[in-house]
C-alpha atoms as a PDB file:
ATOM      1  CA  MET A   1      -0.007   0.228  -0.001  1.00  0.00           C
ATOM      2  CA  ASN A   2       1.357   3.189  -0.786  1.00  0.00           C
ATOM      3  CA  MET A   3       1.789   6.207   1.631  1.00  0.00           C
ATOM      4  CA  SER A   4      -1.045   8.174   0.450  1.00  0.00           C
ATOM      5  CA  LYS A   5      -3.610   5.293   0.531  1.00  0.00           C
ATOM      6  CA  LYS A   6      -2.480   4.347   4.030  1.00  0.00           C
ATOM      7  CA  LEU A   7      -2.807   8.099   5.337  1.00  0.00           C
ATOM      8  CA  GLU A   8      -6.242   8.418   3.508  1.00  0.00           C
ATOM      9  CA  GLN A   9      -7.398   5.207   5.448  1.00  0.00           C
ATOM     10  CA  TYR A  10      -6.347   7.008   8.977  1.00  0.00           C
ATOM     11  CA  ILE A  11      -8.670  10.149   7.887  1.00  0.00           C
ATOM     12  CA  GLN A  12     -11.393   7.778   6.797  1.00  0.00           C
ATOM     13  CA  ARG A  13     -11.395   6.622  10.538  1.00  0.00           C
ATOM     14  CA  PHE A  14     -11.385  10.060  12.227  1.00  0.00           C
ATOM     15  CA  SER A  15     -15.063   9.606  12.755  1.00  0.00           C
ATOM     16  CA  ARG A  16     -14.433   6.960  15.352  1.00  0.00           C
ATOM     17  CA  ALA A  17     -12.160   9.235  17.524  1.00  0.00           C
ATOM     18  CA  LYS A  18     -13.650  10.812  20.682  1.00  0.00           C
ATOM     19  CA  VAL A  19     -11.356  13.663  21.707  1.00  0.00           C
ATOM     20  CA  LEU A  20     -11.693  15.931  24.775  1.00  0.00           C
ATOM     21  CA  VAL A  21     -10.177  19.243  24.386  1.00  0.00           C
ATOM     22  CA  LEU A  22      -9.291  20.970  27.524  1.00  0.00           C
ATOM     23  CA  GLY A  23      -7.693  24.488  27.760  1.00  0.00           C
ATOM     24  CA  ASP A  24      -8.108  28.278  27.489  1.00  0.00           C
ATOM     25  CA  LEU A  25     -11.210  29.418  25.415  1.00  0.00           C
ATOM     26  CA  ILE A  26     -10.748  32.295  23.549  1.00  0.00           C
ATOM     27  CA  LEU A  27     -13.073  34.435  21.711  1.00  0.00           C
ATOM     28  CA  ASP A  28     -11.250  35.666  18.263  1.00  0.00           C
ATOM     29  CA  HIS A  29     -12.864  39.189  17.262  1.00  0.00           C
ATOM     30  CA  TYR A  30     -11.916  40.385  13.769  1.00  0.00           C
ATOM     31  CA  ILE A  31     -12.700  43.891  12.734  1.00  0.00           C
ATOM     32  CA  TRP A  32     -12.327  44.048   8.722  1.00  0.00           C
ATOM     33  CA  GLY A  33     -11.648  47.164   7.035  1.00  0.00           C
ATOM     34  CA  LYS A  34      -9.715  49.497   4.723  1.00  0.00           C
ATOM     35  CA  VAL A  35      -7.346  52.126   5.147  1.00  0.00           C
ATOM     36  CA  ASN A  36      -7.395  55.193   2.966  1.00  0.00           C
ATOM     37  CA  ARG A  37      -5.775  57.850   5.101  1.00  0.00           C
ATOM     38  CA  VAL A  38      -3.593  58.694   8.118  1.00  0.00           C
ATOM     39  CA  SER A  39      -5.173  60.160  11.021  1.00  0.00           C
ATOM     40  CA  PRO A  40      -4.571  64.054  11.532  1.00  0.00           C
ATOM     41  CA  GLU A  41      -4.547  63.422  15.392  1.00  0.00           C
ATOM     42  CA  ALA A  42      -1.394  60.919  15.542  1.00  0.00           C
ATOM     43  CA  PRO A  43       0.751  59.233  12.744  1.00  0.00           C
ATOM     44  CA  VAL A  44      -1.694  56.095  12.690  1.00  0.00           C
ATOM     45  CA  PRO A  45      -3.744  54.792   9.885  1.00  0.00           C
ATOM     46  CA  VAL A  46      -7.508  55.369  10.030  1.00  0.00           C
ATOM     47  CA  VAL A  47      -9.349  52.187   9.160  1.00  0.00           C
ATOM     48  CA  HIS A  48     -12.824  52.323   7.796  1.00  0.00           C
ATOM     49  CA  VAL A  49     -14.651  49.400   9.175  1.00  0.00           C
ATOM     50  CA  GLU A  50     -16.453  47.062   6.837  1.00  0.00           C
ATOM     51  CA  SER A  51     -17.445  44.193   8.957  1.00  0.00           C
ATOM     52  CA  GLU A  52     -16.876  42.379  12.055  1.00  0.00           C
ATOM     53  CA  SER A  53     -16.860  38.561  12.878  1.00  0.00           C
ATOM     54  CA  LEU A  54     -16.409  36.575  16.128  1.00  0.00           C
ATOM     55  CA  CYS A  55     -14.699  33.290  15.941  1.00  0.00           C
ATOM     56  CA  LEU A  56     -13.652  30.181  18.355  1.00  0.00           C
ATOM     57  CA  GLY A  57      -9.982  30.667  19.531  1.00  0.00           C
ATOM     58  CA  GLY A  58      -7.536  28.850  21.796  1.00  0.00           C
ATOM     59  CA  ALA A  59      -9.047  25.412  22.949  1.00  0.00           C
ATOM     60  CA  ALA A  60     -12.316  26.417  21.372  1.00  0.00           C
ATOM     61  CA  ASN A  61     -10.416  26.250  17.830  1.00  0.00           C
ATOM     62  CA  VAL A  62      -8.966  23.076  18.491  1.00  0.00           C
ATOM     63  CA  TYR A  63     -12.318  21.677  19.348  1.00  0.00           C
ATOM     64  CA  ARG A  64     -13.752  23.293  16.203  1.00  0.00           C
ATOM     65  CA  ASN A  65     -10.938  21.781  13.947  1.00  0.00           C
ATOM     66  CA  VAL A  66     -11.501  18.290  15.489  1.00  0.00           C
ATOM     67  CA  VAL A  67     -15.092  18.519  14.344  1.00  0.00           C
ATOM     68  CA  SER A  68     -14.196  20.059  11.024  1.00  0.00           C
ATOM     69  CA  LEU A  69     -11.989  17.005  10.226  1.00  0.00           C
ATOM     70  CA  GLY A  70     -14.918  14.648  11.191  1.00  0.00           C
ATOM     71  CA  GLY A  71     -14.017  13.569  14.715  1.00  0.00           C
ATOM     72  CA  GLN A  72     -16.302  13.327  17.768  1.00  0.00           C
ATOM     73  CA  ALA A  73     -15.168  16.075  20.103  1.00  0.00           C
ATOM     74  CA  ASP A  74     -15.938  17.538  23.574  1.00  0.00           C
ATOM     75  CA  LEU A  75     -14.604  20.777  25.122  1.00  0.00           C
ATOM     76  CA  CYS A  76     -13.536  21.759  28.732  1.00  0.00           C
ATOM     77  CA  GLY A  77     -12.660  25.081  29.713  1.00  0.00           C
ATOM     78  CA  VAL A  78     -13.833  28.467  31.521  1.00  0.00           C
ATOM     79  CA  VAL A  79     -15.639  31.587  30.270  1.00  0.00           C
ATOM     80  CA  GLY A  80     -16.748  34.648  32.283  1.00  0.00           C
ATOM     81  CA  SER A  81     -20.193  35.584  32.783  1.00  0.00           C
ATOM     82  CA  ASP A  82     -19.653  38.616  30.374  1.00  0.00           C
ATOM     83  CA  GLU A  83     -20.610  39.475  26.864  1.00  0.00           C
ATOM     84  CA  GLY A  84     -17.742  37.731  25.533  1.00  0.00           C
ATOM     85  CA  GLY A  85     -18.594  34.373  27.419  1.00  0.00           C
ATOM     86  CA  HIS A  86     -22.291  34.461  25.840  1.00  0.00           C
ATOM     87  CA  ALA A  87     -20.780  35.234  22.478  1.00  0.00           C
ATOM     88  CA  LEU A  88     -18.437  32.225  22.863  1.00  0.00           C
ATOM     89  CA  LEU A  89     -21.113  30.068  24.074  1.00  0.00           C
ATOM     90  CA  LYS A  90     -23.352  31.039  21.132  1.00  0.00           C
ATOM     91  CA  ALA A  91     -20.688  30.421  18.712  1.00  0.00           C
ATOM     92  CA  LEU A  92     -20.233  26.792  20.337  1.00  0.00           C
ATOM     93  CA  GLY A  93     -23.941  26.345  20.052  1.00  0.00           C
ATOM     94  CA  VAL A  94     -23.315  25.769  16.274  1.00  0.00           C
ATOM     95  CA  PHE A  95     -21.295  22.697  17.189  1.00  0.00           C
ATOM     96  CA  ARG A  96     -23.145  21.493  20.288  1.00  0.00           C
ATOM     97  CA  GLN A  97     -26.299  20.634  21.951  1.00  0.00           C
ATOM     98  CA  SER A  98     -25.150  21.387  25.808  1.00  0.00           C
ATOM     99  CA  ARG A  99     -22.711  23.537  27.648  1.00  0.00           C
ATOM    100  CA  GLY A 100     -21.004  20.337  28.836  1.00  0.00           C
ATOM    101  CA  GLY A 101     -17.382  20.941  30.214  1.00  0.00           C
ATOM    102  CA  VAL A 102     -17.681  24.808  29.729  1.00  0.00           C
ATOM    103  CA  VAL A 103     -17.564  26.289  33.282  1.00  0.00           C
ATOM    104  CA  ILE A 104     -18.780  29.868  33.905  1.00  0.00           C
ATOM    105  CA  ASP A 105     -16.690  31.734  36.266  1.00  0.00           C
ATOM    106  CA  GLY A 106     -18.129  35.359  37.254  1.00  0.00           C
ATOM    107  CA  THR A 107     -14.757  36.239  38.732  1.00  0.00           C
ATOM    108  CA  ARG A 108     -12.823  36.314  35.513  1.00  0.00           C
ATOM    109  CA  PRO A 109     -13.349  38.000  32.066  1.00  0.00           C
ATOM    110  CA  THR A 110     -13.752  35.793  28.914  1.00  0.00           C
ATOM    111  CA  THR A 111     -10.373  35.950  27.030  1.00  0.00           C
ATOM    112  CA  ARG A 112     -10.861  38.003  23.912  1.00  0.00           C
ATOM    113  CA  LYS A 113      -8.477  38.910  21.124  1.00  0.00           C
ATOM    114  CA  THR A 114      -9.422  41.719  18.832  1.00  0.00           C
ATOM    115  CA  ARG A 115      -7.573  41.965  15.488  1.00  0.00           C
ATOM    116  CA  VAL A 116      -8.107  44.893  13.214  1.00  0.00           C
ATOM    117  CA  ILE A 117      -7.350  43.661   9.563  1.00  0.00           C
ATOM    118  CA  ALA A 118      -7.142  45.801   6.398  1.00  0.00           C
ATOM    119  CA  HIS A 119      -6.037  44.717   3.005  1.00  0.00           C
ATOM    120  CA  ASN A 120      -5.343  41.268   4.553  1.00  0.00           C
ATOM    121  CA  GLN A 121      -2.634  42.813   6.805  1.00  0.00           C
ATOM    122  CA  GLN A 122      -3.211  42.972  10.784  1.00  0.00           C
ATOM    123  CA  ILE A 123      -2.979  46.489  11.876  1.00  0.00           C
ATOM    124  CA  VAL A 124      -3.050  45.801  15.659  1.00  0.00           C
ATOM    125  CA  ARG A 125      -4.463  43.472  18.052  1.00  0.00           C
ATOM    126  CA  PHE A 126      -5.827  44.172  21.570  1.00  0.00           C
ATOM    127  CA  ASP A 127      -6.371  41.720  24.432  1.00  0.00           C
ATOM    128  CA  VAL A 128      -8.894  41.264  27.244  1.00  0.00           C
ATOM    129  CA  GLU A 129      -7.511  38.300  29.625  1.00  0.00           C
ATOM    130  CA  GLN A 130      -6.596  37.276  33.071  1.00  0.00           C
ATOM    131  CA  HIS A 131      -3.439  35.135  33.543  1.00  0.00           C
ATOM    132  CA  THR A 132      -4.128  34.010  37.104  1.00  0.00           C
ATOM    133  CA  ASP A 133      -4.693  30.240  37.865  1.00  0.00           C
ATOM    134  CA  LEU A 134      -8.385  29.101  38.383  1.00  0.00           C
ATOM    135  CA  SER A 135      -9.870  29.285  41.863  1.00  0.00           C
ATOM    136  CA  SER A 136      -9.538  25.896  43.551  1.00  0.00           C
ATOM    137  CA  ALA A 137     -13.420  25.772  43.262  1.00  0.00           C
ATOM    138  CA  THR A 138     -13.436  26.206  39.585  1.00  0.00           C
ATOM    139  CA  GLU A 139     -10.463  23.914  38.946  1.00  0.00           C
ATOM    140  CA  ARG A 140     -12.370  21.073  40.782  1.00  0.00           C
ATOM    141  CA  LYS A 141     -15.370  21.487  38.545  1.00  0.00           C
ATOM    142  CA  VAL A 142     -12.967  21.421  35.521  1.00  0.00           C
ATOM    143  CA  LEU A 143     -11.280  18.298  36.837  1.00  0.00           C
ATOM    144  CA  ARG A 144     -14.764  16.364  37.821  1.00  0.00           C
ATOM    145  CA  TYR A 145     -15.728  16.873  34.217  1.00  0.00           C
ATOM    146  CA  VAL A 146     -12.375  15.490  32.656  1.00  0.00           C
ATOM    147  CA  MET A 147     -12.548  12.497  35.139  1.00  0.00           C
ATOM    148  CA  SER A 148     -16.102  11.768  34.005  1.00  0.00           C
ATOM    149  CA  ARG A 149     -15.008  11.745  30.177  1.00  0.00           C
ATOM    150  CA  LEU A 150     -11.898   9.815  30.535  1.00  0.00           C
ATOM    151  CA  PRO A 151     -13.205   6.438  30.339  1.00  0.00           C
ATOM    152  CA  GLU A 152     -14.912   7.247  26.736  1.00  0.00           C
ATOM    153  CA  ILE A 153     -12.504   9.114  24.837  1.00  0.00           C
ATOM    154  CA  THR A 154      -9.478   8.184  22.625  1.00  0.00           C
ATOM    155  CA  CYS A 155      -7.295  11.328  23.275  1.00  0.00           C
ATOM    156  CA  LEU A 156      -7.140  14.127  25.530  1.00  0.00           C
ATOM    157  CA  VAL A 157      -5.708  17.458  24.127  1.00  0.00           C
ATOM    158  CA  ILE A 158      -4.437  20.290  26.328  1.00  0.00           C
ATOM    159  CA  SER A 159      -4.439  23.446  24.693  1.00  0.00           C
ATOM    160  CA  ASP A 160      -2.500  25.746  26.825  1.00  0.00           C
ATOM    161  CA  TYR A 161      -2.541  29.513  26.260  1.00  0.00           C
ATOM    162  CA  ALA A 162      -1.310  30.120  29.875  1.00  0.00           C
ATOM    163  CA  LYS A 163      -4.709  32.125  30.633  1.00  0.00           C
ATOM    164  CA  GLY A 164      -5.058  30.006  33.972  1.00  0.00           C
ATOM    165  CA  VAL A 165      -6.813  26.922  33.251  1.00  0.00           C
ATOM    166  CA  VAL A 166      -3.768  24.697  32.840  1.00  0.00           C
ATOM    167  CA  THR A 167      -2.434  24.655  36.252  1.00  0.00           C
ATOM    168  CA  SER A 168       0.384  22.320  37.806  1.00  0.00           C
ATOM    169  CA  SER A 169      -1.928  20.525  40.202  1.00  0.00           C
ATOM    170  CA  LEU A 170      -4.602  20.144  37.382  1.00  0.00           C
ATOM    171  CA  MET A 171      -2.044  18.673  35.074  1.00  0.00           C
ATOM    172  CA  HIS A 172      -0.724  16.285  37.783  1.00  0.00           C
ATOM    173  CA  SER A 173      -4.252  14.763  38.458  1.00  0.00           C
ATOM    174  CA  ILE A 174      -5.280  14.535  34.719  1.00  0.00           C
ATOM    175  CA  SER A 175      -2.002  12.793  33.648  1.00  0.00           C
ATOM    176  CA  GLU A 176      -2.152  10.259  36.194  1.00  0.00           C
ATOM    177  CA  ALA A 177      -5.811   9.460  35.516  1.00  0.00           C
ATOM    178  CA  ALA A 178      -5.313   9.463  31.819  1.00  0.00           C
ATOM    179  CA  ALA A 179      -2.595   7.047  32.035  1.00  0.00           C
ATOM    180  CA  ARG A 180      -4.801   4.886  34.160  1.00  0.00           C
ATOM    181  CA  HIS A 181      -7.145   4.787  31.502  1.00  0.00           C
ATOM    182  CA  ASN A 182      -4.531   4.457  28.496  1.00  0.00           C
ATOM    183  CA  VAL A 183      -5.754   7.570  27.009  1.00  0.00           C
ATOM    184  CA  PRO A 184      -2.829   9.614  25.176  1.00  0.00           C
ATOM    185  CA  VAL A 185      -2.333  13.185  26.288  1.00  0.00           C
ATOM    186  CA  ILE A 186      -1.100  15.676  23.557  1.00  0.00           C
ATOM    187  CA  VAL A 187      -0.253  19.066  24.736  1.00  0.00           C
ATOM    188  CA  ASP A 188       0.126  22.369  22.604  1.00  0.00           C
ATOM    189  CA  PRO A 189       2.622  23.791  25.216  1.00  0.00           C
ATOM    190  CA  LYS A 190       3.459  27.574  26.845  1.00  0.00           C
ATOM    191  CA  VAL A 191       7.152  27.661  27.805  1.00  0.00           C
ATOM    192  CA  ASP A 192       6.455  28.751  31.337  1.00  0.00           C
ATOM    193  CA  HIS A 193       4.519  25.569  31.981  1.00  0.00           C
ATOM    194  CA  PHE A 194       6.919  22.952  30.303  1.00  0.00           C
ATOM    195  CA  LEU A 195       7.414  21.296  33.796  1.00  0.00           C
ATOM    196  CA  HIS A 196       3.646  20.733  34.422  1.00  0.00           C
ATOM    197  CA  TYR A 197       3.413  18.270  31.263  1.00  0.00           C
ATOM    198  CA  ARG A 198       5.911  15.624  32.631  1.00  0.00           C
ATOM    199  CA  GLY A 199       4.722  12.307  31.787  1.00  0.00           C
ATOM    200  CA  VAL A 200       2.250  13.275  28.863  1.00  0.00           C
ATOM    201  CA  THR A 201       2.296  11.342  25.686  1.00  0.00           C
ATOM    202  CA  ALA A 202       3.304  14.286  23.204  1.00  0.00           C
ATOM    203  CA  ILE A 203       4.020  18.208  23.055  1.00  0.00           C
ATOM    204  CA  THR A 204       3.744  20.474  19.769  1.00  0.00           C
ATOM    205  CA  PRO A 205       5.714  23.589  20.621  1.00  0.00           C
ATOM    206  CA  ASN A 206       6.656  25.660  17.665  1.00  0.00           C
ATOM    207  CA  HIS A 207      10.384  26.399  16.935  1.00  0.00           C
ATOM    208  CA  VAL A 208      10.550  29.687  19.162  1.00  0.00           C
ATOM    209  CA  GLU A 209       8.833  27.942  22.158  1.00  0.00           C
ATOM    210  CA  ALA A 210      11.119  24.886  21.729  1.00  0.00           C
ATOM    211  CA  CYS A 211      14.295  27.038  21.962  1.00  0.00           C
ATOM    212  CA  GLN A 212      13.170  29.114  24.832  1.00  0.00           C
ATOM    213  CA  ALA A 213      12.242  25.865  26.707  1.00  0.00           C
ATOM    214  CA  ALA A 214      15.613  24.126  25.930  1.00  0.00           C
ATOM    215  CA  GLY A 215      17.331  27.308  27.044  1.00  0.00           C
ATOM    216  CA  VAL A 216      18.836  28.257  23.654  1.00  0.00           C
ATOM    217  CA  ASP A 217      18.785  31.409  21.600  1.00  0.00           C
ATOM    218  CA  GLU A 218      16.262  30.812  18.656  1.00  0.00           C
ATOM    219  CA  LEU A 219      18.360  33.128  16.412  1.00  0.00           C
ATOM    220  CA  THR A 220      21.594  30.942  16.512  1.00  0.00           C
ATOM    221  CA  ASP A 221      21.779  27.622  14.185  1.00  0.00           C
ATOM    222  CA  TYR A 222      21.651  25.483  17.368  1.00  0.00           C
ATOM    223  CA  PRO A 223      21.035  21.937  16.272  1.00  0.00           C
ATOM    224  CA  ILE A 224      17.511  21.162  16.066  1.00  0.00           C
ATOM    225  CA  ASP A 225      17.850  17.509  16.929  1.00  0.00           C
ATOM    226  CA  GLU A 226      19.667  18.369  20.365  1.00  0.00           C
ATOM    227  CA  ILE A 227      16.812  20.852  21.067  1.00  0.00           C
ATOM    228  CA  GLY A 228      14.094  17.977  20.338  1.00  0.00           C
ATOM    229  CA  GLN A 229      15.941  15.448  22.211  1.00  0.00           C
ATOM    230  CA  ARG A 230      16.513  17.868  25.267  1.00  0.00           C
ATOM    231  CA  LEU A 231      12.825  18.493  25.426  1.00  0.00           C
ATOM    232  CA  GLN A 232      11.887  14.769  25.266  1.00  0.00           C
ATOM    233  CA  LYS A 233      13.927  14.046  28.305  1.00  0.00           C
ATOM    234  CA  MET A 234      12.963  17.145  30.162  1.00  0.00           C
ATOM    235  CA  VAL A 235       9.021  16.335  29.794  1.00  0.00           C
ATOM    236  CA  ASN A 236       9.461  12.797  29.849  1.00  0.00           C
ATOM    237  CA  CYS A 237       7.149  12.306  26.813  1.00  0.00           C
ATOM    238  CA  GLN A 238       6.743   9.578  24.079  1.00  0.00           C
ATOM    239  CA  ALA A 239       7.225  12.338  21.379  1.00  0.00           C
ATOM    240  CA  VAL A 240       7.928  16.131  20.803  1.00  0.00           C
ATOM    241  CA  LEU A 241       6.777  17.713  17.613  1.00  0.00           C
ATOM    242  CA  ILE A 242       8.188  21.032  16.770  1.00  0.00           C
ATOM    243  CA  THR A 243       6.415  23.060  14.199  1.00  0.00           C
ATOM    244  CA  ARG A 244       9.016  25.189  12.126  1.00  0.00           C
ATOM    245  CA  GLY A 245       7.020  27.353   9.710  1.00  0.00           C
ATOM    246  CA  GLU A 246       8.323  27.148   6.303  1.00  0.00           C
ATOM    247  CA  GLN A 247      11.104  24.591   7.389  1.00  0.00           C
ATOM    248  CA  GLY A 248       8.265  21.984   8.003  1.00  0.00           C
ATOM    249  CA  MET A 249       8.195  20.065  11.252  1.00  0.00           C
ATOM    250  CA  SER A 250      10.670  17.745  13.183  1.00  0.00           C
ATOM    251  CA  LEU A 251       9.532  15.027  15.368  1.00  0.00           C
ATOM    252  CA  TYR A 252      11.571  13.231  18.073  1.00  0.00           C
ATOM    253  CA  ASP A 253       9.994  10.027  19.155  1.00  0.00           C
ATOM    254  CA  GLY A 254      12.776   8.176  20.968  1.00  0.00           C
ATOM    255  CA  LYS A 255      14.673   7.279  17.771  1.00  0.00           C
ATOM    256  CA  LYS A 256      18.357   8.092  17.498  1.00  0.00           C
ATOM    257  CA  LYS A 257      17.535  10.830  14.892  1.00  0.00           C
ATOM    258  CA  GLY A 258      14.588  13.073  14.352  1.00  0.00           C
ATOM    259  CA  PHE A 259      12.073  12.770  11.756  1.00  0.00           C
ATOM    260  CA  HIS A 260      11.762  15.909   9.523  1.00  0.00           C
ATOM    261  CA  VAL A 261       8.577  16.667   7.305  1.00  0.00           C
ATOM    262  CA  PRO A 262       9.414  19.421   4.937  1.00  0.00           C
ATOM    263  CA  SER A 263       6.652  21.758   4.155  1.00  0.00           C
ATOM    264  CA  LYS A 264       5.302  22.415   0.681  1.00  0.00           C
ATOM    265  CA  ALA A 265       6.258  25.998  -0.714  1.00  0.00           C
ATOM    266  CA  ARG A 266       2.762  27.981  -0.658  1.00  0.00           C
ATOM    267  CA  GLN A 267       1.729  31.497  -0.046  1.00  0.00           C
ATOM    268  CA  VAL A 268       1.255  32.434   3.693  1.00  0.00           C
ATOM    269  CA  PHE A 269      -1.521  34.663   4.660  1.00  0.00           C
ATOM    270  CA  ASP A 270      -1.906  34.004   8.321  1.00  0.00           C
ATOM    271  CA  VAL A 271      -0.478  31.825  10.743  1.00  0.00           C
ATOM    272  CA  THR A 272      -3.473  32.457  13.477  1.00  0.00           C
ATOM    273  CA  GLY A 273      -4.354  29.063  14.729  1.00  0.00           C
ATOM    274  CA  ALA A 274      -2.005  26.906  12.797  1.00  0.00           C
ATOM    275  CA  GLY A 275      -0.791  25.274  16.017  1.00  0.00           C
ATOM    276  CA  ASP A 276      -4.610  24.489  16.925  1.00  0.00           C
ATOM    277  CA  THR A 277      -4.821  22.680  13.669  1.00  0.00           C
ATOM    278  CA  VAL A 278      -1.618  20.559  14.171  1.00  0.00           C
ATOM    279  CA  VAL A 279      -2.659  19.426  17.595  1.00  0.00           C
ATOM    280  CA  SER A 280      -6.067  18.651  16.382  1.00  0.00           C
ATOM    281  CA  THR A 281      -5.056  16.522  13.357  1.00  0.00           C
ATOM    282  CA  LEU A 282      -2.350  14.869  15.408  1.00  0.00           C
ATOM    283  CA  SER A 283      -4.882  13.802  18.234  1.00  0.00           C
ATOM    284  CA  LEU A 284      -7.275  12.420  15.442  1.00  0.00           C
ATOM    285  CA  ALA A 285      -4.493  10.386  13.701  1.00  0.00           C
ATOM    286  CA  VAL A 286      -3.209   9.072  16.947  1.00  0.00           C
ATOM    287  CA  SER A 287      -6.513   7.984  18.085  1.00  0.00           C
ATOM    288  CA  THR A 288      -7.244   6.103  14.822  1.00  0.00           C
ATOM    289  CA  GLY A 289      -3.697   4.120  15.291  1.00  0.00           C
ATOM    290  CA  ALA A 290      -1.395   6.315  13.317  1.00  0.00           C
ATOM    291  CA  SER A 291       2.302   6.206  14.296  1.00  0.00           C
ATOM    292  CA  PHE A 292       3.597   9.565  15.541  1.00  0.00           C
ATOM    293  CA  ARG A 293       5.338   9.765  12.082  1.00  0.00           C
ATOM    294  CA  ASP A 294       2.537   9.314   9.999  1.00  0.00           C
ATOM    295  CA  ALA A 295       0.331  11.550  12.227  1.00  0.00           C
ATOM    296  CA  ALA A 296       2.864  14.267  12.048  1.00  0.00           C
ATOM    297  CA  PHE A 297       2.785  13.920   8.083  1.00  0.00           C
ATOM    298  CA  LEU A 298      -1.089  14.535   8.186  1.00  0.00           C
ATOM    299  CA  ALA A 299      -0.688  17.322  10.772  1.00  0.00           C
ATOM    300  CA  ASN A 300       1.927  19.236   8.273  1.00  0.00           C
ATOM    301  CA  GLN A 301      -0.384  18.864   5.661  1.00  0.00           C
ATOM    302  CA  ALA A 302      -3.305  20.231   7.471  1.00  0.00           C
ATOM    303  CA  ALA A 303      -1.249  23.045   8.673  1.00  0.00           C
ATOM    304  CA  GLY A 304      -0.151  24.010   5.083  1.00  0.00           C
ATOM    305  CA  ILE A 305      -3.616  24.342   4.326  1.00  0.00           C
ATOM    306  CA  VAL A 306      -4.684  26.728   6.997  1.00  0.00           C
ATOM    307  CA  VAL A 307      -1.983  29.095   6.709  1.00  0.00           C
ATOM    308  CA  GLY A 308      -3.343  29.775   3.366  1.00  0.00           C
ATOM    309  CA  MET A 309      -6.467  31.336   4.913  1.00  0.00           C
ATOM    310  CA  VAL A 310      -6.970  34.782   6.603  1.00  0.00           C
ATOM    311  CA  GLY A 311      -8.131  34.488  10.052  1.00  0.00           C
ATOM    312  CA  THR A 312      -8.941  31.674  12.659  1.00  0.00           C
ATOM    313  CA  ALA A 313      -9.535  28.928  10.004  1.00  0.00           C
ATOM    314  CA  SER A 314     -10.278  25.028  10.204  1.00  0.00           C
ATOM    315  CA  VAL A 315      -9.600  22.216   7.710  1.00  0.00           C
ATOM    316  CA  THR A 316     -12.190  19.634   6.312  1.00  0.00           C
ATOM    317  CA  GLN A 317     -11.445  16.069   5.716  1.00  0.00           C
ATOM    318  CA  ASP A 318     -12.024  16.578   1.938  1.00  0.00           C
ATOM    319  CA  GLN A 319      -9.272  19.394   1.915  1.00  0.00           C
ATOM    320  CA  LEU A 320      -6.744  17.207   3.896  1.00  0.00           C
ATOM    321  CA  LYS A 321      -7.335  14.264   1.263  1.00  0.00           C
ATOM    322  CA  LYS A 322      -6.966  16.778  -1.585  1.00  0.00           C
ATOM    323  CA  ALA A 323      -3.719  17.938  -0.066  1.00  0.00           C
ATOM    324  CA  LEU A 324      -2.370  14.364   0.301  1.00  0.00           C
ATOM    325  CA  ARG A 325      -3.013  13.442  -3.196  1.00  0.00           C
ATOM    326  CA  ASN A 326      -1.080  16.611  -4.328  1.00  0.00           C
ATOM    327  CA  ALA A 327       1.716  16.193  -1.740  1.00  0.00           C
END
């Protein structure tokens, strides 16, 4: 069987996967417009607003990607009892029948990132967020929900944007419970939290995050293989998948040498959410029995599709199959 046929069989089985996504829920707010002049008040562009849109971001975008790729998905995270929280729950309502694991905490704002885009270029971004860890009461609600779902799922994805959901104590409890249930745990990490992830199945840092976590300068030509192997030992995980933009991806899965997946030359419009697409595809592929190498190849194809779109985007099964045939 050739490689493309084998990978397509995994994609066909995505519908059997049951993925729980846990992490920081983000509301991505886009303001679209045109710039025709500079303000007389200050040397800044004046954006004439033409439209606005609200999208699922962070862990919610990982969830959306799993659904878009044909997998069964559930979501666990925290929103505030504010306008952003209502908007995020409404956006989720398109995909789901109940609030499920989305906990409302009136003491925190819903994380919102507002991007102003003119002529396909991001002009500015402003964020509403709180970085402090969840209260112990809210953390207990999150943990209870994850524990209730572990017996039924095929993969747990941790989407960590360092907005307070992914705490050291939560990760410790979840990692131990997931191991008991033989559920793989795949983490899209944040540098400051690397030691929280000890014992998970896989992590998917980008190149800058990988360098920072390994304690090396990302601007030097430090060997990527040494960085990958250092991170694998640090986290004590089965696999480290480093996403490297136009240089593709590098996978470290316990072998002596890294496995490098080159990216296909393409026009990049927006890298927003590309990491979400990578971890979503990886979780579905691993859920359906793919090796980390095959899963990395599929994730690389999916990321290549999403960077060609403007805004927080998701990939469909048909798009992924088409990309495979053209690879």
